[in-house]
Amino acid sequence: MNEIFAIVAEERARGASILLVEQNARRALAIADRAYVLERGRIVLTGTGSELAADPSVTQAYLGAPAP
């Protein structure tokens, strides 16, 4: 898992656009420039990775903890 995120981070640093669908939402949001939350095939939230990681509704529903 660490190797995959390292590769994604390297490619991102080179300027590549990457679409990442990941079950480890906390880790994905930590490296994401933009993030989207989909429910039943529809985008219900969007923002930067850090914005969504700090959003109380996201942390409660998807990250399993209250917002920091």
Protein backbone atom coordinates (compact mmCIF):
# COMPACT_ATOMS: atom_id res chain seq x y z
CA MET A 1 0.00 0.00 0.00
CA ASN A 2 2.77 2.46 0.87
CA GLU A 3 4.46 1.79 -2.47
CA ILE A 4 1.29 2.62 -4.40
CA PHE A 5 0.83 5.94 -2.59
CA ALA A 6 4.53 6.76 -3.11
CA ILE A 7 4.16 6.18 -6.85
CA VAL A 8 1.00 8.30 -6.99
CA ALA A 9 2.77 11.10 -5.10
CA GLU A 10 5.78 10.95 -7.46
CA GLU A 11 3.61 11.11 -10.57
CA ARG A 12 1.57 13.95 -9.08
CA ALA A 13 4.80 15.87 -8.39
CA ARG A 14 5.70 15.42 -12.07
CA GLY A 15 2.44 17.12 -13.03
CA ALA A 16 0.42 14.07 -13.99
CA SER A 17 -3.32 14.08 -13.49
CA ILE A 18 -4.42 11.00 -11.60
CA LEU A 19 -7.87 9.63 -10.91
CA LEU A 20 -7.63 7.56 -7.75
CA VAL A 21 -10.49 5.46 -6.44
CA GLU A 22 -9.37 4.30 -3.03
CA GLN A 23 -10.90 2.65 0.01
CA ASN A 24 -8.38 4.31 2.32
CA ALA A 25 -10.12 7.68 2.17
CA ARG A 26 -7.98 9.35 4.84
CA ARG A 27 -4.77 8.53 2.98
CA ALA A 28 -6.21 9.47 -0.42
CA LEU A 29 -7.47 12.83 0.87
CA ALA A 30 -4.02 13.59 2.29
CA ILE A 31 -2.51 13.66 -1.22
CA ALA A 32 -5.50 14.84 -3.25
CA ASP A 33 -5.65 18.26 -4.88
CA ARG A 34 -9.37 17.76 -5.56
CA ALA A 35 -11.73 15.22 -4.04
CA TYR A 36 -15.28 14.13 -4.67
CA VAL A 37 -17.72 12.15 -2.55
CA LEU A 38 -20.13 10.04 -4.54
CA GLU A 39 -23.31 8.51 -3.21
CA ARG A 40 -25.37 6.26 -5.44
CA GLY A 41 -23.44 7.43 -8.48
CA ARG A 42 -23.89 11.16 -7.83
CA ILE A 43 -21.36 13.72 -6.63
CA VAL A 44 -22.63 15.01 -3.28
CA LEU A 45 -19.52 16.86 -2.06
CA THR A 46 -16.46 18.32 -3.69
CA GLY A 47 -13.46 20.31 -2.52
CA THR A 48 -9.76 20.04 -1.90
CA GLY A 49 -8.51 16.94 -0.16
CA SER A 50 -7.83 18.90 3.01
CA GLU A 51 -11.28 20.55 2.93
CA LEU A 52 -13.06 17.22 2.70
CA ALA A 53 -10.76 15.63 5.30
CA ALA A 54 -11.81 18.39 7.73
CA ASP A 55 -15.52 18.31 6.82
CA PRO A 56 -17.46 16.90 9.81
CA SER A 57 -19.94 15.06 7.59
CA VAL A 58 -17.10 13.36 5.68
CA THR A 59 -15.11 12.44 8.77
CA GLN A 60 -18.16 11.01 10.48
CA ALA A 61 -19.54 9.06 7.51
CA TYR A 62 -16.35 7.95 5.72
CA LEU A 63 -13.37 8.34 8.03
CA GLY A 64 -14.92 6.87 11.17
CA ALA A 65 -14.00 9.71 13.49
CA PRO A 66 -15.14 13.20 14.45
CA ALA A 67 -13.51 16.09 12.61
CA PRO A 68 -10.12 17.14 14.03
